[in-house]
Amino acid sequence: MGIGASIFLIAVGAIFAFAVDADLGWLNLNVVGWVLMLAGLVGLLTTLYFWNSRRRVVAAPVRQQVVAEPVVPVQGARVVREEYREVPRPGSGYPA
């Protein structure tokens, strides 16, 4: 039940409880009005509770990515550095 339906039930219940003075014999409209107002109030509180719990956002901690320096292998007294180069094939149409 939404807020609009809850307010509608409260309004109709208030009309039955306070404004209508009819004697139906087997049905007491004052009691019907109070029951409708109570149902509207319960629906309104329930709707507001779920709206409030839905808006809570739990933020996850931000992880920082640490970029390490590339590891360079050492062979004896020399530092070995690996490189990557693209060499076009002869006749591929790309200039060398």
PDB file of N, CA and C in Angstrom:
ATOM      1  N   MET A   1       0.857  -1.157   0.000  1.00  0.00           N
ATOM      2  CA  MET A   1       0.000   0.000   0.000  1.00  0.00           C
ATOM      3  C   MET A   1       0.907   1.224   0.000  1.00  0.00           C
ATOM      4  N   GLY A   2       0.604   2.182  -0.829  1.00  0.00           N
ATOM      5  CA  GLY A   2       1.413   3.385  -0.918  1.00  0.00           C
ATOM      6  C   GLY A   2       0.903   4.488  -0.018  1.00  0.00           C
ATOM      7  N   ILE A   3       1.576   5.626  -0.120  1.00  0.00           N
ATOM      8  CA  ILE A   3       1.193   6.767   0.699  1.00  0.00           C
ATOM      9  C   ILE A   3      -0.183   7.276   0.302  1.00  0.00           C
ATOM     10  N   GLY A   4      -0.460   7.324  -0.976  1.00  0.00           N
ATOM     11  CA  GLY A   4      -1.753   7.829  -1.448  1.00  0.00           C
ATOM     12  C   GLY A   4      -2.922   6.985  -0.965  1.00  0.00           C
ATOM     13  N   ALA A   5      -2.782   5.678  -1.045  1.00  0.00           N
ATOM     14  CA  ALA A   5      -3.857   4.791  -0.587  1.00  0.00           C
ATOM     15  C   ALA A   5      -4.033   4.888   0.922  1.00  0.00           C
ATOM     16  N   SER A   6      -2.942   5.045   1.644  1.00  0.00           N
ATOM     17  CA  SER A   6      -3.039   5.178   3.099  1.00  0.00           C
ATOM     18  C   SER A   6      -3.753   6.458   3.494  1.00  0.00           C
ATOM     19  N   ILE A   7      -3.417   7.557   2.849  1.00  0.00           N
ATOM     20  CA  ILE A   7      -4.094   8.826   3.143  1.00  0.00           C
ATOM     21  C   ILE A   7      -5.560   8.753   2.750  1.00  0.00           C
ATOM     22  N   PHE A   8      -5.853   8.067   1.653  1.00  0.00           N
ATOM     23  CA  PHE A   8      -7.248   7.896   1.243  1.00  0.00           C
ATOM     24  C   PHE A   8      -8.036   7.120   2.298  1.00  0.00           C
ATOM     25  N   LEU A   9      -7.460   6.040   2.823  1.00  0.00           N
ATOM     26  CA  LEU A   9      -8.146   5.272   3.867  1.00  0.00           C
ATOM     27  C   LEU A   9      -8.355   6.109   5.133  1.00  0.00           C
ATOM     28  N   ILE A  10      -7.356   6.906   5.490  1.00  0.00           N
ATOM     29  CA  ILE A  10      -7.497   7.759   6.668  1.00  0.00           C
ATOM     30  C   ILE A  10      -8.614   8.779   6.449  1.00  0.00           C
ATOM     31  N   ALA A  11      -8.679   9.363   5.257  1.00  0.00           N
ATOM     32  CA  ALA A  11      -9.714  10.364   4.969  1.00  0.00           C
ATOM     33  C   ALA A  11     -11.113   9.744   4.964  1.00  0.00           C
ATOM     34  N   VAL A  12     -11.262   8.604   4.322  1.00  0.00           N
ATOM     35  CA  VAL A  12     -12.583   7.948   4.290  1.00  0.00           C
ATOM     36  C   VAL A  12     -12.983   7.502   5.692  1.00  0.00           C
ATOM     37  N   GLY A  13     -12.015   7.004   6.452  1.00  0.00           N
ATOM     38  CA  GLY A  13     -12.308   6.609   7.824  1.00  0.00           C
ATOM     39  C   GLY A  13     -12.727   7.783   8.686  1.00  0.00           C
ATOM     40  N   ALA A  14     -12.078   8.936   8.496  1.00  0.00           N
ATOM     41  CA  ALA A  14     -12.460  10.127   9.261  1.00  0.00           C
ATOM     42  C   ALA A  14     -13.855  10.601   8.878  1.00  0.00           C
ATOM     43  N   ILE A  15     -14.180  10.496   7.615  1.00  0.00           N
ATOM     44  CA  ILE A  15     -15.538  10.878   7.182  1.00  0.00           C
ATOM     45  C   ILE A  15     -16.563   9.958   7.825  1.00  0.00           C
ATOM     46  N   PHE A  16     -16.314   8.649   7.794  1.00  0.00           N
ATOM     47  CA  PHE A  16     -17.262   7.713   8.415  1.00  0.00           C
ATOM     48  C   PHE A  16     -17.336   7.907   9.925  1.00  0.00           C
ATOM     49  N   ALA A  17     -16.215   8.170  10.577  1.00  0.00           N
ATOM     50  CA  ALA A  17     -16.197   8.262  12.034  1.00  0.00           C
ATOM     51  C   ALA A  17     -16.794   9.573  12.537  1.00  0.00           C
ATOM     52  N   PHE A  18     -16.551  10.683  11.841  1.00  0.00           N
ATOM     53  CA  PHE A  18     -16.929  11.983  12.389  1.00  0.00           C
ATOM     54  C   PHE A  18     -18.054  12.698  11.646  1.00  0.00           C
ATOM     55  N   ALA A  19     -18.247  12.426  10.365  1.00  0.00           N
ATOM     56  CA  ALA A  19     -19.192  13.227   9.584  1.00  0.00           C
ATOM     57  C   ALA A  19     -20.501  12.517   9.280  1.00  0.00           C
ATOM     58  N   VAL A  20     -20.491  11.215   9.202  1.00  0.00           N
ATOM     59  CA  VAL A  20     -21.707  10.484   8.830  1.00  0.00           C
ATOM     60  C   VAL A  20     -22.451  10.091  10.099  1.00  0.00           C
ATOM     61  N   ASP A  21     -23.729  10.426  10.106  1.00  0.00           N
ATOM     62  CA  ASP A  21     -24.584  10.064  11.237  1.00  0.00           C
ATOM     63  C   ASP A  21     -25.770   9.263  10.690  1.00  0.00           C
ATOM     64  N   ALA A  22     -25.505   7.997  10.417  1.00  0.00           N
ATOM     65  CA  ALA A  22     -26.538   7.135   9.856  1.00  0.00           C
ATOM     66  C   ALA A  22     -26.676   5.912  10.745  1.00  0.00           C
ATOM     67  N   ASP A  23     -27.911   5.424  10.833  1.00  0.00           N
ATOM     68  CA  ASP A  23     -28.167   4.245  11.645  1.00  0.00           C
ATOM     69  C   ASP A  23     -28.552   3.103  10.716  1.00  0.00           C
ATOM     70  N   LEU A  24     -27.624   2.170  10.535  1.00  0.00           N
ATOM     71  CA  LEU A  24     -27.891   1.033   9.667  1.00  0.00           C
ATOM     72  C   LEU A  24     -28.343  -0.186  10.459  1.00  0.00           C
ATOM     73  N   GLY A  25     -28.314  -0.107  11.751  1.00  0.00           N
ATOM     74  CA  GLY A  25     -28.777  -1.207  12.578  1.00  0.00           C
ATOM     75  C   GLY A  25     -27.711  -2.248  12.817  1.00  0.00           C
ATOM     76  N   TRP A  26     -27.311  -2.948  11.798  1.00  0.00           N
ATOM     77  CA  TRP A  26     -26.346  -4.029  11.941  1.00  0.00           C
ATOM     78  C   TRP A  26     -24.908  -3.571  11.723  1.00  0.00           C
ATOM     79  N   LEU A  27     -24.698  -2.307  11.241  1.00  0.00           N
ATOM     80  CA  LEU A  27     -23.365  -1.802  10.936  1.00  0.00           C
ATOM     81  C   LEU A  27     -23.168  -0.449  11.590  1.00  0.00           C
ATOM     82  N   ASN A  28     -22.169  -0.363  12.447  1.00  0.00           N
ATOM     83  CA  ASN A  28     -21.861   0.893  13.107  1.00  0.00           C
ATOM     84  C   ASN A  28     -20.779   1.606  12.285  1.00  0.00           C
ATOM     85  N   LEU A  29     -21.153   2.712  11.634  1.00  0.00           N
ATOM     86  CA  LEU A  29     -20.215   3.411  10.755  1.00  0.00           C
ATOM     87  C   LEU A  29     -19.084   4.094  11.519  1.00  0.00           C
ATOM     88  N   ASN A  30     -19.310   4.405  12.794  1.00  0.00           N
ATOM     89  CA  ASN A  30     -18.226   4.984  13.588  1.00  0.00           C
ATOM     90  C   ASN A  30     -17.081   3.978  13.759  1.00  0.00           C
ATOM     91  N   VAL A  31     -17.432   2.727  14.028  1.00  0.00           N
ATOM     92  CA  VAL A  31     -16.411   1.691  14.180  1.00  0.00           C
ATOM     93  C   VAL A  31     -15.717   1.431  12.843  1.00  0.00           C
ATOM     94  N   VAL A  32     -16.467   1.413  11.765  1.00  0.00           N
ATOM     95  CA  VAL A  32     -15.877   1.219  10.432  1.00  0.00           C
ATOM     96  C   VAL A  32     -14.894   2.351  10.131  1.00  0.00           C
ATOM     97  N   GLY A  33     -15.255   3.572  10.492  1.00  0.00           N
ATOM     98  CA  GLY A  33     -14.367   4.716  10.269  1.00  0.00           C
ATOM     99  C   GLY A  33     -13.073   4.587  11.049  1.00  0.00           C
ATOM    100  N   TRP A  34     -13.168   4.205  12.324  1.00  0.00           N
ATOM    101  CA  TRP A  34     -11.963   4.043  13.129  1.00  0.00           C
ATOM    102  C   TRP A  34     -11.084   2.910  12.613  1.00  0.00           C
ATOM    103  N   VAL A  35     -11.696   1.838  12.149  1.00  0.00           N
ATOM    104  CA  VAL A  35     -10.919   0.724  11.588  1.00  0.00           C
ATOM    105  C   VAL A  35     -10.203   1.160  10.317  1.00  0.00           C
ATOM    106  N   LEU A  36     -10.881   1.918   9.456  1.00  0.00           N
ATOM    107  CA  LEU A  36     -10.247   2.398   8.228  1.00  0.00           C
ATOM    108  C   LEU A  36      -9.099   3.364   8.539  1.00  0.00           C
ATOM    109  N   MET A  37      -9.300   4.238   9.521  1.00  0.00           N
ATOM    110  CA  MET A  37      -8.221   5.157   9.900  1.00  0.00           C
ATOM    111  C   MET A  37      -7.020   4.398  10.461  1.00  0.00           C
ATOM    112  N   LEU A  38      -7.274   3.394  11.254  1.00  0.00           N
ATOM    113  CA  LEU A  38      -6.180   2.588  11.806  1.00  0.00           C
ATOM    114  C   LEU A  38      -5.438   1.836  10.699  1.00  0.00           C
ATOM    115  N   ALA A  39      -6.186   1.267   9.750  1.00  0.00           N
ATOM    116  CA  ALA A  39      -5.542   0.556   8.628  1.00  0.00           C
ATOM    117  C   ALA A  39      -4.724   1.520   7.778  1.00  0.00           C
ATOM    118  N   GLY A  40      -5.248   2.723   7.562  1.00  0.00           N
ATOM    119  CA  GLY A  40      -4.493   3.723   6.802  1.00  0.00           C
ATOM    120  C   GLY A  40      -3.224   4.153   7.518  1.00  0.00           C
ATOM    121  N   LEU A  41      -3.299   4.304   8.831  1.00  0.00           N
ATOM    122  CA  LEU A  41      -2.132   4.697   9.602  1.00  0.00           C
ATOM    123  C   LEU A  41      -1.066   3.601   9.594  1.00  0.00           C
ATOM    124  N   VAL A  42      -1.494   2.354   9.743  1.00  0.00           N
ATOM    125  CA  VAL A  42      -0.536   1.232   9.692  1.00  0.00           C
ATOM    126  C   VAL A  42       0.103   1.150   8.306  1.00  0.00           C
ATOM    127  N   GLY A  43      -0.692   1.319   7.264  1.00  0.00           N
ATOM    128  CA  GLY A  43      -0.144   1.298   5.904  1.00  0.00           C
ATOM    129  C   GLY A  43       0.820   2.437   5.659  1.00  0.00           C
ATOM    130  N   LEU A  44       0.512   3.615   6.183  1.00  0.00           N
ATOM    131  CA  LEU A  44       1.392   4.766   6.014  1.00  0.00           C
ATOM    132  C   LEU A  44       2.720   4.558   6.735  1.00  0.00           C
ATOM    133  N   LEU A  45       2.665   4.076   7.965  1.00  0.00           N
ATOM    134  CA  LEU A  45       3.896   3.835   8.712  1.00  0.00           C
ATOM    135  C   LEU A  45       4.741   2.735   8.072  1.00  0.00           C
ATOM    136  N   THR A  46       4.095   1.693   7.573  1.00  0.00           N
ATOM    137  CA  THR A  46       4.823   0.611   6.904  1.00  0.00           C
ATOM    138  C   THR A  46       5.497   1.117   5.627  1.00  0.00           C
ATOM    139  N   THR A  47       4.778   1.912   4.856  1.00  0.00           N
ATOM    140  CA  THR A  47       5.344   2.458   3.622  1.00  0.00           C
ATOM    141  C   THR A  47       6.530   3.360   3.923  1.00  0.00           C
ATOM    142  N   LEU A  48       6.403   4.218   4.919  1.00  0.00           N
ATOM    143  CA  LEU A  48       7.506   5.108   5.263  1.00  0.00           C
ATOM    144  C   LEU A  48       8.706   4.330   5.791  1.00  0.00           C
ATOM    145  N   TYR A  49       8.464   3.274   6.528  1.00  0.00           N
ATOM    146  CA  TYR A  49       9.562   2.441   7.030  1.00  0.00           C
ATOM    147  C   TYR A  49      10.337   1.814   5.876  1.00  0.00           C
ATOM    148  N   PHE A  50       9.614   1.260   4.894  1.00  0.00           N
ATOM    149  CA  PHE A  50      10.300   0.613   3.777  1.00  0.00           C
ATOM    150  C   PHE A  50      10.984   1.630   2.877  1.00  0.00           C
ATOM    151  N   TRP A  51      10.415   2.812   2.720  1.00  0.00           N
ATOM    152  CA  TRP A  51      11.078   3.850   1.938  1.00  0.00           C
ATOM    153  C   TRP A  51      12.364   4.274   2.627  1.00  0.00           C
ATOM    154  N   ASN A  52      12.335   4.390   3.946  1.00  0.00           N
ATOM    155  CA  ASN A  52      13.520   4.822   4.684  1.00  0.00           C
ATOM    156  C   ASN A  52      14.611   3.763   4.614  1.00  0.00           C
ATOM    157  N   SER A  53      14.252   2.490   4.714  1.00  0.00           N
ATOM    158  CA  SER A  53      15.269   1.439   4.676  1.00  0.00           C
ATOM    159  C   SER A  53      15.818   1.249   3.260  1.00  0.00           C
ATOM    160  N   ARG A  54      15.055   1.600   2.244  1.00  0.00           N
ATOM    161  CA  ARG A  54      15.518   1.437   0.874  1.00  0.00           C
ATOM    162  C   ARG A  54      16.545   2.506   0.501  1.00  0.00           C
ATOM    163  N   ARG A  55      16.484   3.663   1.143  1.00  0.00           N
ATOM    164  CA  ARG A  55      17.387   4.744   0.797  1.00  0.00           C
ATOM    165  C   ARG A  55      18.748   4.630   1.455  1.00  0.00           C
ATOM    166  N   ARG A  56      18.925   3.715   2.363  1.00  0.00           N
ATOM    167  CA  ARG A  56      20.229   3.559   3.000  1.00  0.00           C
ATOM    168  C   ARG A  56      21.194   2.928   2.017  1.00  0.00           C
ATOM    169  N   VAL A  57      22.339   3.550   1.886  1.00  0.00           N
ATOM    170  CA  VAL A  57      23.365   3.050   0.983  1.00  0.00           C
ATOM    171  C   VAL A  57      24.615   2.790   1.813  1.00  0.00           C
ATOM    172  N   VAL A  58      25.110   1.596   1.717  1.00  0.00           N
ATOM    173  CA  VAL A  58      26.329   1.245   2.426  1.00  0.00           C
ATOM    174  C   VAL A  58      27.470   1.343   1.431  1.00  0.00           C
ATOM    175  N   ALA A  59      28.401   2.241   1.704  1.00  0.00           N
ATOM    176  CA  ALA A  59      29.523   2.453   0.791  1.00  0.00           C
ATOM    177  C   ALA A  59      30.640   1.467   1.122  1.00  0.00           C
ATOM    178  N   ALA A  60      31.128   0.831   0.095  1.00  0.00           N
ATOM    179  CA  ALA A  60      32.247  -0.098   0.265  1.00  0.00           C
ATOM    180  C   ALA A  60      33.539   0.700   0.331  1.00  0.00           C
ATOM    181  N   PRO A  61      34.498   0.233   1.085  1.00  0.00           N
ATOM    182  CA  PRO A  61      35.763   0.960   1.152  1.00  0.00           C
ATOM    183  C   PRO A  61      36.456   0.970  -0.211  1.00  0.00           C
ATOM    184  N   VAL A  62      37.115   2.058  -0.493  1.00  0.00           N
ATOM    185  CA  VAL A  62      37.787   2.210  -1.777  1.00  0.00           C
ATOM    186  C   VAL A  62      39.157   1.546  -1.695  1.00  0.00           C
ATOM    187  N   ARG A  63      39.417   0.703  -2.655  1.00  0.00           N
ATOM    188  CA  ARG A  63      40.717   0.046  -2.707  1.00  0.00           C
ATOM    189  C   ARG A  63      41.611   0.814  -3.656  1.00  0.00           C
ATOM    190  N   GLN A  64      42.809   1.083  -3.204  1.00  0.00           N
ATOM    191  CA  GLN A  64      43.762   1.770  -4.056  1.00  0.00           C
ATOM    192  C   GLN A  64      44.653   0.735  -4.725  1.00  0.00           C
ATOM    193  N   GLN A  65      44.828   0.928  -6.010  1.00  0.00           N
ATOM    194  CA  GLN A  65      45.657  -0.005  -6.754  1.00  0.00           C
ATOM    195  C   GLN A  65      47.086   0.541  -6.763  1.00  0.00           C
ATOM    196  N   VAL A  66      47.995  -0.248  -6.279  1.00  0.00           N
ATOM    197  CA  VAL A  66      49.399   0.150  -6.218  1.00  0.00           C
ATOM    198  C   VAL A  66      50.102  -0.432  -7.425  1.00  0.00           C
ATOM    199  N   VAL A  67      50.691   0.454  -8.202  1.00  0.00           N
ATOM    200  CA  VAL A  67      51.424   0.018  -9.387  1.00  0.00           C
ATOM    201  C   VAL A  67      52.901  -0.062  -9.008  1.00  0.00           C
ATOM    202  N   ALA A  68      53.425  -1.243  -9.083  1.00  0.00           N
ATOM    203  CA  ALA A  68      54.837  -1.452  -8.722  1.00  0.00           C
ATOM    204  C   ALA A  68      55.729  -1.207  -9.932  1.00  0.00           C
ATOM    205  N   GLU A  69      56.962  -0.915  -9.643  1.00  0.00           N
ATOM    206  CA  GLU A  69      57.949  -0.748 -10.708  1.00  0.00           C
ATOM    207  C   GLU A  69      58.165  -2.111 -11.375  1.00  0.00           C
ATOM    208  N   PRO A  70      58.379  -2.114 -12.675  1.00  0.00           N
ATOM    209  CA  PRO A  70      58.616  -3.404 -13.333  1.00  0.00           C
ATOM    210  C   PRO A  70      59.917  -4.027 -12.835  1.00  0.00           C
ATOM    211  N   VAL A  71      59.867  -5.312 -12.662  1.00  0.00           N
ATOM    212  CA  VAL A  71      61.036  -6.036 -12.168  1.00  0.00           C
ATOM    213  C   VAL A  71      61.975  -6.298 -13.336  1.00  0.00           C
ATOM    214  N   VAL A  72      63.223  -5.919 -13.156  1.00  0.00           N
ATOM    215  CA  VAL A  72      64.225  -6.117 -14.207  1.00  0.00           C
ATOM    216  C   VAL A  72      65.151  -7.235 -13.753  1.00  0.00           C
ATOM    217  N   PRO A  73      65.229  -8.334 -14.522  1.00  0.00           N
ATOM    218  CA  PRO A  73      66.117  -9.430 -14.126  1.00  0.00           C
ATOM    219  C   PRO A  73      67.585  -9.044 -14.292  1.00  0.00           C
ATOM    220  N   VAL A  74      68.391  -9.554 -13.416  1.00  0.00           N
ATOM    221  CA  VAL A  74      69.827  -9.268 -13.436  1.00  0.00           C
ATOM    222  C   VAL A  74      70.569 -10.552 -13.758  1.00  0.00           C
ATOM    223  N   GLN A  75      71.491 -10.485 -14.710  1.00  0.00           N
ATOM    224  CA  GLN A  75      72.330 -11.632 -15.060  1.00  0.00           C
ATOM    225  C   GLN A  75      73.784 -11.228 -14.838  1.00  0.00           C
ATOM    226  N   GLY A  76      74.369 -11.762 -13.818  1.00  0.00           N
ATOM    227  CA  GLY A  76      75.763 -11.413 -13.519  1.00  0.00           C
ATOM    228  C   GLY A  76      75.847  -9.949 -13.122  1.00  0.00           C
ATOM    229  N   ALA A  77      76.643  -9.186 -13.859  1.00  0.00           N
ATOM    230  CA  ALA A  77      76.807  -7.758 -13.582  1.00  0.00           C
ATOM    231  C   ALA A  77      75.983  -6.913 -14.536  1.00  0.00           C
ATOM    232  N   ARG A  78      75.259  -7.581 -15.469  1.00  0.00           N
ATOM    233  CA  ARG A  78      74.472  -6.836 -16.462  1.00  0.00           C
ATOM    234  C   ARG A  78      73.002  -6.823 -16.086  1.00  0.00           C
ATOM    235  N   VAL A  79      72.331  -5.758 -16.412  1.00  0.00           N
ATOM    236  CA  VAL A  79      70.878  -5.659 -16.249  1.00  0.00           C
ATOM    237  C   VAL A  79      70.256  -5.990 -17.589  1.00  0.00           C
ATOM    238  N   VAL A  80      69.367  -6.958 -17.587  1.00  0.00           N
ATOM    239  CA  VAL A  80      68.714  -7.398 -18.814  1.00  0.00           C
ATOM    240  C   VAL A  80      67.372  -6.669 -18.917  1.00  0.00           C
ATOM    241  N   ARG A  81      67.161  -6.041 -20.041  1.00  0.00           N
ATOM    242  CA  ARG A  81      65.911  -5.317 -20.249  1.00  0.00           C
ATOM    243  C   ARG A  81      65.200  -5.918 -21.441  1.00  0.00           C
ATOM    244  N   GLU A  82      63.961  -6.266 -21.244  1.00  0.00           N
ATOM    245  CA  GLU A  82      63.190  -6.856 -22.336  1.00  0.00           C
ATOM    246  C   GLU A  82      62.399  -5.757 -23.024  1.00  0.00           C
ATOM    247  N   GLU A  83      62.415  -5.782 -24.334  1.00  0.00           N
ATOM    248  CA  GLU A  83      61.668  -4.810 -25.120  1.00  0.00           C
ATOM    249  C   GLU A  83      60.751  -5.554 -26.076  1.00  0.00           C
ATOM    250  N   TYR A  84      59.717  -4.863 -26.494  1.00  0.00           N
ATOM    251  CA  TYR A  84      58.763  -5.431 -27.433  1.00  0.00           C
ATOM    252  C   TYR A  84      58.670  -4.473 -28.606  1.00  0.00           C
ATOM    253  N   ARG A  85      58.951  -4.981 -29.793  1.00  0.00           N
ATOM    254  CA  ARG A  85      58.837  -4.164 -30.994  1.00  0.00           C
ATOM    255  C   ARG A  85      58.078  -4.951 -32.046  1.00  0.00           C
ATOM    256  N   GLU A  86      57.275  -4.238 -32.794  1.00  0.00           N
ATOM    257  CA  GLU A  86      56.584  -4.849 -33.919  1.00  0.00           C
ATOM    258  C   GLU A  86      57.357  -4.510 -35.178  1.00  0.00           C
ATOM    259  N   VAL A  87      57.660  -5.522 -35.935  1.00  0.00           N
ATOM    260  CA  VAL A  87      58.381  -5.339 -37.191  1.00  0.00           C
ATOM    261  C   VAL A  87      57.450  -5.789 -38.306  1.00  0.00           C
ATOM    262  N   PRO A  88      57.122  -4.886 -39.208  1.00  0.00           N
ATOM    263  CA  PRO A  88      56.223  -5.304 -40.296  1.00  0.00           C
ATOM    264  C   PRO A  88      56.930  -6.247 -41.259  1.00  0.00           C
ATOM    265  N   ARG A  89      56.144  -7.149 -41.811  1.00  0.00           N
ATOM    266  CA  ARG A  89      56.686  -8.085 -42.783  1.00  0.00           C
ATOM    267  C   ARG A  89      56.886  -7.383 -44.110  1.00  0.00           C
ATOM    268  N   PRO A  90      57.843  -7.841 -44.835  1.00  0.00           N
ATOM    269  CA  PRO A  90      58.012  -7.247 -46.178  1.00  0.00           C
ATOM    270  C   PRO A  90      56.801  -7.561 -47.042  1.00  0.00           C
ATOM    271  N   GLY A  91      56.327  -6.567 -47.749  1.00  0.00           N
ATOM    272  CA  GLY A  91      55.196  -6.741 -48.631  1.00  0.00           C
ATOM    273  C   GLY A  91      53.846  -6.593 -47.943  1.00  0.00           C
ATOM    274  N   SER A  92      53.817  -6.156 -46.683  1.00  0.00           N
ATOM    275  CA  SER A  92      52.527  -6.020 -45.976  1.00  0.00           C
ATOM    276  C   SER A  92      51.865  -4.688 -46.269  1.00  0.00           C
ATOM    277  N   GLY A  93      52.603  -3.750 -46.896  1.00  0.00           N
ATOM    278  CA  GLY A  93      52.004  -2.479 -47.215  1.00  0.00           C
ATOM    279  C   GLY A  93      52.290  -1.390 -46.198  1.00  0.00           C
ATOM    280  N   TYR A  94      52.829  -1.752 -45.085  1.00  0.00           N
ATOM    281  CA  TYR A  94      53.184  -0.763 -44.072  1.00  0.00           C
ATOM    282  C   TYR A  94      54.631  -0.340 -44.274  1.00  0.00           C
ATOM    283  N   PRO A  95      54.936   0.923 -44.062  1.00  0.00           N
ATOM    284  CA  PRO A  95      56.339   1.325 -44.213  1.00  0.00           C
ATOM    285  C   PRO A  95      57.187   0.781 -43.079  1.00  0.00           C
ATOM    286  N   ALA A  96      58.394   0.481 -43.382  1.00  0.00           N
ATOM    287  CA  ALA A  96      59.302  -0.103 -42.386  1.00  0.00           C
ATOM    288  C   ALA A  96      59.891   0.942 -41.478  1.00  0.00           C
TER     289      ALA A  96
END
